[in-house]
Amino acid sequence: MTTPPTLPEAVRQGHKGSLAPTGRTGQPQRRCQCCTAPSITSATPITAPPGFHQPRKHIFEATVGLRSLRLLKLGLSRVLFLKVETMDKENENAALEETVGMIVANVIRGATEQFLDLQKKGKEAEYVAKNIQWTTCKDFTVERGRQQIEEYISTWEVHESWLYWSEFLREEELMYSKRYHYRVLWSIPTRRKPIPQATASVYFVIEISKIKPATLPVEVFFFLESSRLILRPEQCRFREKWLKDIIENKLILKRSLTF
C-alpha cells in the first residue's frame, strides 16, 4: 500500500485533486474534482463541470439563472433610467423654448402696442380742433344760429351715410345771459329700412351774454343725449363712434323689451 504524497510532492507531480485539511487521523484528506466548484468569472462560460452530481447541478444552474436575471434586470433598469432622463431633458428643453417664445412674443406685442399708442398720441397732439367763426351777439338770430350749427357740423369727420336734421327747441332766459337750445338728430337710413330704428341726438346751446360787449362772439357748447359732459367746439374733436354707441345701446335695449 502506497502512502499519499505530501503537499510539495503533490504540487511537483501536478496532482489533479486538492488536499483538504487534516481529519481526525491527522492525515490530509483528498477532495475529488467533482466536489470542487470552479471560480465563476466573466471570461469563462458558466457551465456545470462534467461529472457534476445531478442535485448539485440543478442548484448550480438555478443560481446562475438568478444571477443572469439580476444582471439583466440591472441592465434594463439602467437603460430605462437613461431613457427617462433623456425624455426629462427633452421635456425641459421644450418647456424652456416655449417659455422663451412666450416672453419674446409678449415683449414684441407690448413694444408694438406702445409704438402705435405713441403714434396715436402724436397724431392727436398734432390735430387742431376745427371750428368756425361764430357770429357776434348783436348779429345773432335764431335762424342764423341754426345755420352756423350746421356749418360747424360739416367740419366733423363722419361717414357720408349719416344724415341729420336740426331744429330749434326753446329759448331760456337767465339773469346774466340768454340761451337758445337746438337739437341735431342723427340716423343712418338704408334702402331696406328707410325709417331708422334708432336715432342719436346732439344738443347745442348758444349763449348770449347780457353784460359782455355785444361785439364779442356768442358762446357755444353741446352735449350728447347719453352724456352730461359739456363739449366746446374749440376744445374737442368730435368722433363718429359717439353716435354709433348711442344707436347700438338703443337697439340693444329695444331687443331686450318684450311687449
Protein backbone atom coordinates (compact mmCIF):
# COMPACT_ATOMS: atom_id res chain seq x y z
CA MET A 1 0.00 0.00 0.00
CA THR A 2 1.48 3.28 -1.14
CA THR A 3 1.43 6.34 1.05
CA PRO A 4 -0.22 9.53 -0.29
CA PRO A 5 2.24 12.14 -1.44
CA THR A 6 2.92 15.05 0.74
CA LEU A 7 1.90 18.61 -0.23
CA PRO A 8 5.18 19.54 -2.00
CA GLU A 9 5.29 16.27 -3.84
CA ALA A 10 1.68 16.67 -4.90
CA VAL A 11 2.43 20.11 -6.27
CA ARG A 12 5.53 18.87 -8.15
CA GLN A 13 3.70 15.88 -9.60
CA GLY A 14 0.70 18.07 -10.71
CA HIS A 15 -1.77 16.18 -8.68
CA LYS A 16 -5.24 16.72 -10.07
CA GLY A 17 -7.01 16.70 -6.75
CA SER A 18 -6.73 19.17 -3.95
CA LEU A 19 -5.75 18.50 -0.44
CA ALA A 20 -8.20 19.25 2.27
CA PRO A 21 -7.29 19.99 5.86
CA THR A 22 -6.36 17.03 8.00
CA GLY A 23 -9.12 14.98 9.56
CA ARG A 24 -9.32 13.13 12.80
CA THR A 25 -6.43 10.82 11.84
CA GLY A 26 -4.14 13.74 11.17
CA GLN A 27 -3.74 12.73 7.53
CA PRO A 28 -4.59 15.21 4.79
CA GLN A 29 -7.85 14.39 3.10
CA ARG A 30 -8.11 14.40 -0.70
CA ARG A 31 -11.05 16.11 -2.34
CA CYS A 32 -12.13 15.00 -5.79
CA GLN A 33 -12.64 17.37 -8.69
CA CYS A 34 -16.38 16.76 -8.80
CA CYS A 35 -16.75 18.28 -5.33
CA THR A 36 -14.74 21.40 -6.10
CA ALA A 37 -16.73 24.15 -7.87
CA PRO A 38 -14.68 26.25 -10.27
CA SER A 39 -14.49 30.01 -9.87
CA ILE A 40 -17.01 31.95 -11.95
CA THR A 41 -15.54 34.78 -13.95
CA SER A 42 -16.73 36.81 -16.86
CA ALA A 43 -14.02 35.37 -19.12
CA THR A 44 -15.05 31.73 -18.78
CA PRO A 45 -18.56 30.46 -19.64
CA ILE A 46 -20.59 29.44 -16.65
CA THR A 47 -21.34 25.75 -17.15
CA ALA A 48 -21.57 22.84 -14.79
CA PRO A 49 -18.38 20.72 -14.73
CA PRO A 50 -18.55 17.21 -16.10
CA GLY A 51 -19.49 14.57 -13.67
CA PHE A 52 -21.38 17.03 -11.54
CA HIS A 53 -23.95 15.40 -9.33
CA GLN A 54 -27.49 15.85 -10.57
CA PRO A 55 -28.96 17.63 -7.50
CA ARG A 56 -26.00 19.99 -7.24
CA LYS A 57 -26.16 20.60 -10.99
CA HIS A 58 -29.76 21.83 -10.70
CA ILE A 59 -28.86 24.11 -7.79
CA PHE A 60 -25.89 25.46 -9.74
CA GLU A 61 -27.98 26.16 -12.84
CA ALA A 62 -30.68 27.87 -10.76
CA THR A 63 -28.06 30.04 -9.07
CA VAL A 64 -26.53 31.02 -12.40
CA GLY A 65 -30.01 31.74 -13.81
CA LEU A 66 -30.84 34.03 -10.89
CA ARG A 67 -27.59 35.89 -11.35
CA SER A 68 -28.29 36.29 -15.05
CA LEU A 69 -31.78 37.58 -14.33
CA ARG A 70 -30.40 40.06 -11.81
CA LEU A 71 -27.81 41.31 -14.31
CA LEU A 72 -30.50 41.58 -16.97
CA LYS A 73 -32.79 43.44 -14.59
CA LEU A 74 -29.97 45.80 -13.65
CA GLY A 75 -29.19 46.44 -17.31
CA LEU A 76 -32.82 47.09 -18.18
CA SER A 77 -33.18 49.42 -15.20
CA ARG A 78 -30.12 51.34 -16.35
CA VAL A 79 -31.48 51.63 -19.90
CA LEU A 80 -34.88 52.78 -18.66
CA PHE A 81 -33.25 55.31 -16.33
CA LEU A 82 -31.19 56.74 -19.18
CA LYS A 83 -34.26 56.86 -21.41
CA VAL A 84 -36.38 58.61 -18.76
CA GLU A 85 -33.53 61.03 -18.07
CA THR A 86 -33.25 61.80 -21.79
CA MET A 87 -37.01 62.32 -22.05
CA ASP A 88 -36.93 64.63 -18.99
CA LYS A 89 -34.17 66.69 -20.58
CA GLU A 90 -36.11 66.90 -23.84
CA ASN A 91 -39.24 67.98 -21.96
CA GLU A 92 -37.27 70.58 -20.03
CA ASN A 93 -35.77 71.92 -23.26
CA ALA A 94 -39.21 72.05 -24.92
CA ALA A 95 -40.71 73.85 -21.90
CA LEU A 96 -37.80 76.29 -21.84
CA GLU A 97 -38.17 77.01 -25.55
CA GLU A 98 -41.91 77.55 -25.12
CA THR A 99 -41.36 79.93 -22.21
CA VAL A 100 -38.75 81.90 -24.11
CA GLY A 101 -41.07 82.10 -27.12
CA MET A 102 -43.92 83.42 -24.97
CA ILE A 103 -41.66 86.04 -23.38
CA VAL A 104 -40.38 87.20 -26.76
CA ALA A 105 -43.93 87.36 -28.16
CA ASN A 106 -45.14 89.40 -25.17
CA VAL A 107 -42.21 91.81 -25.50
CA ILE A 108 -42.84 92.28 -29.21
CA ARG A 109 -46.59 92.77 -28.68
CA GLY A 110 -46.00 95.27 -25.89
CA ALA A 111 -43.48 97.22 -27.95
CA THR A 112 -45.86 97.27 -30.92
CA GLU A 113 -48.77 98.50 -28.81
CA GLN A 114 -46.61 101.16 -27.22
CA PHE A 115 -45.38 102.30 -30.63
CA LEU A 116 -48.92 102.53 -32.00
CA ASP A 117 -50.06 104.35 -28.88
CA LEU A 118 -47.27 106.88 -29.26
CA GLN A 119 -48.17 107.35 -32.91
CA LYS A 120 -51.82 107.88 -32.00
CA LYS A 121 -50.93 110.38 -29.28
CA GLY A 122 -48.64 112.19 -31.69
CA LYS A 123 -51.39 112.48 -34.27
CA GLU A 124 -53.87 113.71 -31.67
CA ALA A 125 -51.34 116.24 -30.42
CA GLU A 126 -50.84 117.50 -33.95
CA TYR A 127 -54.59 117.67 -34.58
CA VAL A 128 -56.11 121.11 -34.26
CA ALA A 129 -59.78 121.25 -33.35
CA LYS A 130 -61.79 122.53 -36.29
CA ASN A 131 -64.03 125.45 -35.56
CA ILE A 132 -65.83 128.24 -37.39
CA GLN A 133 -66.13 131.95 -36.87
CA TRP A 134 -69.26 132.30 -34.81
CA THR A 135 -71.50 135.33 -35.19
CA THR A 136 -71.43 138.21 -32.73
CA CYS A 137 -74.04 138.72 -30.02
CA LYS A 138 -75.61 141.72 -31.74
CA ASP A 139 -75.97 139.91 -35.10
CA PHE A 140 -77.43 136.73 -33.68
CA THR A 141 -80.82 135.37 -34.74
CA VAL A 142 -82.46 132.01 -34.15
CA GLU A 143 -82.16 131.06 -37.81
CA ARG A 144 -78.61 132.34 -38.00
CA GLY A 145 -77.72 130.19 -35.03
CA ARG A 146 -79.17 127.05 -36.67
CA GLN A 147 -77.26 127.71 -39.89
CA GLN A 148 -73.99 128.14 -38.05
CA ILE A 149 -74.56 124.91 -36.14
CA GLU A 150 -74.92 123.06 -39.45
CA GLU A 151 -71.82 124.83 -40.75
CA TYR A 152 -69.88 123.63 -37.74
CA ILE A 153 -71.24 120.07 -38.13
CA SER A 154 -69.88 119.99 -41.67
CA THR A 155 -66.36 120.02 -40.19
CA TRP A 156 -66.96 116.74 -38.33
CA GLU A 157 -65.27 113.59 -39.61
CA VAL A 158 -68.28 111.31 -40.10
CA HIS A 159 -69.25 108.93 -42.89
CA GLU A 160 -71.41 110.24 -45.66
CA SER A 161 -74.11 107.66 -44.87
CA TRP A 162 -75.04 109.63 -41.77
CA LEU A 163 -77.96 112.02 -42.18
CA TYR A 164 -79.01 114.71 -39.72
CA TRP A 165 -81.82 117.15 -39.18
CA SER A 166 -81.55 120.28 -36.99
CA GLU A 167 -84.28 122.20 -35.20
CA PHE A 168 -84.71 124.98 -32.68
CA LEU A 169 -86.18 123.85 -29.37
CA ARG A 170 -86.61 126.74 -26.95
CA GLU A 171 -85.25 129.97 -25.53
CA GLU A 172 -84.06 130.15 -21.91
CA GLU A 173 -83.84 133.42 -20.01
CA LEU A 174 -81.17 133.69 -17.30
CA MET A 175 -80.05 136.52 -15.08
CA TYR A 176 -76.88 137.39 -16.95
CA SER A 177 -77.41 135.67 -20.28
CA LYS A 178 -79.89 134.21 -22.66
CA ARG A 179 -79.64 130.67 -24.02
CA TYR A 180 -81.02 129.20 -27.23
CA HIS A 181 -81.39 125.42 -27.37
CA TYR A 182 -81.11 123.38 -30.57
CA ARG A 183 -81.19 119.69 -31.38
CA VAL A 184 -79.49 117.81 -34.21
CA LEU A 185 -80.96 114.37 -34.88
CA TRP A 186 -78.65 111.75 -36.47
CA SER A 187 -79.53 108.46 -38.19
CA ILE A 188 -78.41 106.05 -40.92
CA PRO A 189 -81.38 105.16 -43.16
CA THR A 190 -80.98 102.32 -45.68
CA ARG A 191 -82.93 101.07 -48.68
CA ARG A 192 -84.34 98.15 -46.74
CA LYS A 193 -85.10 100.30 -43.72
CA PRO A 194 -85.61 103.89 -44.86
CA ILE A 195 -87.12 104.68 -41.47
CA PRO A 196 -84.28 104.19 -38.97
CA GLN A 197 -84.91 102.02 -35.94
CA ALA A 198 -82.95 104.36 -33.66
CA THR A 199 -81.54 107.88 -33.73
CA ALA A 200 -78.83 109.80 -31.87
CA SER A 201 -79.36 113.36 -30.69
CA VAL A 202 -76.76 116.06 -30.13
CA TYR A 203 -77.94 119.14 -28.24
CA PHE A 204 -76.44 122.59 -28.89
CA VAL A 205 -76.73 125.67 -26.72
CA ILE A 206 -75.88 129.16 -27.93
CA GLU A 207 -75.47 131.63 -25.09
CA ILE A 208 -75.60 135.42 -25.46
CA SER A 209 -74.23 137.45 -22.60
CA LYS A 210 -76.11 140.45 -21.23
CA ILE A 211 -73.11 142.02 -19.54
CA LYS A 212 -70.33 141.47 -22.08
CA PRO A 213 -69.84 143.71 -25.11
CA ALA A 214 -72.24 142.88 -27.96
CA THR A 215 -69.34 142.77 -30.42
CA LEU A 216 -67.97 139.57 -28.88
CA PRO A 217 -68.89 136.25 -30.49
CA VAL A 218 -71.56 134.06 -28.97
CA GLU A 219 -70.59 131.19 -26.68
CA VAL A 220 -71.45 127.68 -27.95
CA PHE A 221 -71.35 124.28 -26.26
CA PHE A 222 -73.01 120.93 -26.94
CA PHE A 223 -73.54 117.53 -25.34
CA LEU A 224 -74.80 114.08 -26.32
CA GLU A 225 -78.14 112.70 -25.22
CA SER A 226 -76.47 109.89 -23.27
CA SER A 227 -73.94 112.10 -21.52
CA ARG A 228 -73.78 115.16 -19.31
CA LEU A 229 -70.29 116.08 -20.42
CA ILE A 230 -70.16 119.60 -21.83
CA LEU A 231 -68.14 119.88 -25.05
CA ARG A 232 -66.96 123.08 -26.69
CA PRO A 233 -66.20 123.38 -30.43
CA GLU A 234 -62.77 124.97 -29.95
CA GLN A 235 -61.62 122.33 -27.44
CA CYS A 236 -62.75 118.92 -28.68
CA ARG A 237 -62.66 116.64 -31.69
CA PHE A 238 -65.98 115.03 -32.49
CA ARG A 239 -65.90 111.25 -33.03
CA GLU A 240 -68.31 109.23 -35.09
CA LYS A 241 -68.12 106.43 -32.51
CA TRP A 242 -70.17 108.52 -30.10
CA LEU A 243 -73.16 108.39 -32.44
CA LYS A 244 -72.73 104.67 -33.09
CA ASP A 245 -72.63 103.89 -29.38
CA ILE A 246 -75.89 105.73 -28.77
CA ILE A 247 -77.72 103.91 -31.57
CA GLU A 248 -76.32 100.50 -30.62
CA ASN A 249 -77.36 100.95 -27.00
CA LYS A 250 -80.87 101.87 -28.08
CA LEU A 251 -81.14 98.82 -30.35
CA ILE A 252 -79.94 96.53 -27.57
CA LEU A 253 -82.50 97.96 -25.18
CA LYS A 254 -85.21 97.63 -27.81
CA ARG A 255 -84.45 93.96 -28.42
CA SER A 256 -84.48 93.24 -24.70
CA LEU A 257 -88.01 94.61 -24.29
CA THR A 258 -90.96 92.30 -24.90
CA PHE A 259 -94.46 93.57 -25.49
